[in-house]
């Protein structure tokens, strides 16, 4: 089984984070700030943070392979 690159994983997480942000905005517009809105924002924060870390890892590994 081939290992997935950190860049592809990071981009997937960023796309999911953007999707969760859009869902949270829609939920707040429809029903205001409730527990579900906070939970969706929490998921978006985790996904965006993980995506950024995976992309940084990709470039760090690329720089180490270059040496």
C-alpha atoms as a PDB file:
ATOM      1  CA  UNK A   1       0.000   0.000   0.000  1.00  0.00           C
ATOM      2  CA  UNK A   2       1.367   3.392  -0.996  1.00  0.00           C
ATOM      3  CA  UNK A   3       1.722   6.074   1.664  1.00  0.00           C
ATOM      4  CA  UNK A   4      -0.246   9.259   1.042  1.00  0.00           C
ATOM      5  CA  UNK A   5       1.819  12.437   0.918  1.00  0.00           C
ATOM      6  CA  UNK A   6       1.466  15.016   3.686  1.00  0.00           C
ATOM      7  CA  UNK A   7       0.638  17.643   1.048  1.00  0.00           C
ATOM      8  CA  UNK A   8      -2.425  15.727  -0.179  1.00  0.00           C
ATOM      9  CA  UNK A   9      -3.544  15.030   3.381  1.00  0.00           C
ATOM     10  CA  UNK A  10      -3.079  18.690   4.320  1.00  0.00           C
ATOM     11  CA  UNK A  11      -5.103  19.884   1.353  1.00  0.00           C
ATOM     12  CA  UNK A  12      -7.890  17.438   2.221  1.00  0.00           C
ATOM     13  CA  UNK A  13      -7.998  18.725   5.793  1.00  0.00           C
ATOM     14  CA  UNK A  14      -8.067  22.348   4.611  1.00  0.00           C
ATOM     15  CA  UNK A  15     -10.952  21.599   2.234  1.00  0.00           C
ATOM     16  CA  UNK A  16     -12.859  19.923   5.072  1.00  0.00           C
ATOM     17  CA  UNK A  17     -12.142  22.902   7.341  1.00  0.00           C
ATOM     18  CA  UNK A  18     -13.505  25.322   4.751  1.00  0.00           C
ATOM     19  CA  UNK A  19     -16.589  23.123   4.353  1.00  0.00           C
ATOM     20  CA  UNK A  20     -17.162  23.154   8.120  1.00  0.00           C
ATOM     21  CA  UNK A  21     -16.798  26.944   8.220  1.00  0.00           C
ATOM     22  CA  UNK A  22     -19.429  27.276   5.486  1.00  0.00           C
ATOM     23  CA  UNK A  23     -21.746  24.904   7.376  1.00  0.00           C
ATOM     24  CA  UNK A  24     -21.253  26.861  10.595  1.00  0.00           C
ATOM     25  CA  UNK A  25     -22.040  30.159   8.878  1.00  0.00           C
ATOM     26  CA  UNK A  26     -25.206  28.656   7.409  1.00  0.00           C
ATOM     27  CA  UNK A  27     -26.219  27.220  10.777  1.00  0.00           C
ATOM     28  CA  UNK A  28     -25.676  30.541  12.579  1.00  0.00           C
ATOM     29  CA  UNK A  29     -27.724  32.403   9.967  1.00  0.00           C
ATOM     30  CA  UNK A  30     -30.602  29.942  10.316  1.00  0.00           C
ATOM     31  CA  UNK A  31     -30.729  29.325  14.064  1.00  0.00           C
ATOM     32  CA  UNK A  32     -28.230  31.606  15.781  1.00  0.00           C
ATOM     33  CA  UNK A  33     -25.361  30.594  18.019  1.00  0.00           C
ATOM     34  CA  UNK A  34     -26.182  27.258  19.625  1.00  0.00           C
ATOM     35  CA  UNK A  35     -24.124  24.241  20.709  1.00  0.00           C
ATOM     36  CA  UNK A  36     -24.069  22.817  17.171  1.00  0.00           C
ATOM     37  CA  UNK A  37     -22.564  26.027  15.786  1.00  0.00           C
ATOM     38  CA  UNK A  38     -19.785  25.930  18.354  1.00  0.00           C
ATOM     39  CA  UNK A  39     -19.150  22.247  17.663  1.00  0.00           C
ATOM     40  CA  UNK A  40     -18.879  22.819  13.901  1.00  0.00           C
ATOM     41  CA  UNK A  41     -16.488  25.731  14.458  1.00  0.00           C
ATOM     42  CA  UNK A  42     -14.438  23.485  16.762  1.00  0.00           C
ATOM     43  CA  UNK A  43     -14.195  20.843  14.012  1.00  0.00           C
ATOM     44  CA  UNK A  44     -13.247  23.485  11.449  1.00  0.00           C
ATOM     45  CA  UNK A  45     -10.495  24.791  13.719  1.00  0.00           C
ATOM     46  CA  UNK A  46      -9.031  21.320  14.210  1.00  0.00           C
ATOM     47  CA  UNK A  47      -9.186  20.532  10.478  1.00  0.00           C
ATOM     48  CA  UNK A  48      -7.606  23.818   9.392  1.00  0.00           C
ATOM     49  CA  UNK A  49      -4.871  23.524  12.015  1.00  0.00           C
ATOM     50  CA  UNK A  50      -4.105  19.936  11.022  1.00  0.00           C
ATOM     51  CA  UNK A  51      -4.059  20.896   7.358  1.00  0.00           C
ATOM     52  CA  UNK A  52      -1.539  23.655   7.964  1.00  0.00           C
ATOM     53  CA  UNK A  53       0.642  21.306  10.023  1.00  0.00           C
ATOM     54  CA  UNK A  54       0.612  18.623   7.315  1.00  0.00           C
ATOM     55  CA  UNK A  55       1.560  21.145   4.634  1.00  0.00           C
ATOM     56  CA  UNK A  56       4.385  22.457   6.813  1.00  0.00           C
ATOM     57  CA  UNK A  57       5.532  18.863   7.347  1.00  0.00           C
ATOM     58  CA  UNK A  58       5.562  18.288   3.586  1.00  0.00           C
ATOM     59  CA  UNK A  59       7.865  21.243   2.984  1.00  0.00           C
ATOM     60  CA  UNK A  60      10.056  20.319   5.956  1.00  0.00           C
ATOM     61  CA  UNK A  61      10.506  16.765   4.610  1.00  0.00           C
ATOM     62  CA  UNK A  62      11.203  18.109   1.130  1.00  0.00           C
ATOM     63  CA  UNK A  63      13.887  20.429   2.522  1.00  0.00           C
ATOM     64  CA  UNK A  64      15.507  17.537   4.446  1.00  0.00           C
ATOM     65  CA  UNK A  65      15.539  15.320   1.342  1.00  0.00           C
ATOM     66  CA  UNK A  66      17.252  18.115  -0.598  1.00  0.00           C
ATOM     67  CA  UNK A  67      20.252  18.111   1.804  1.00  0.00           C
END
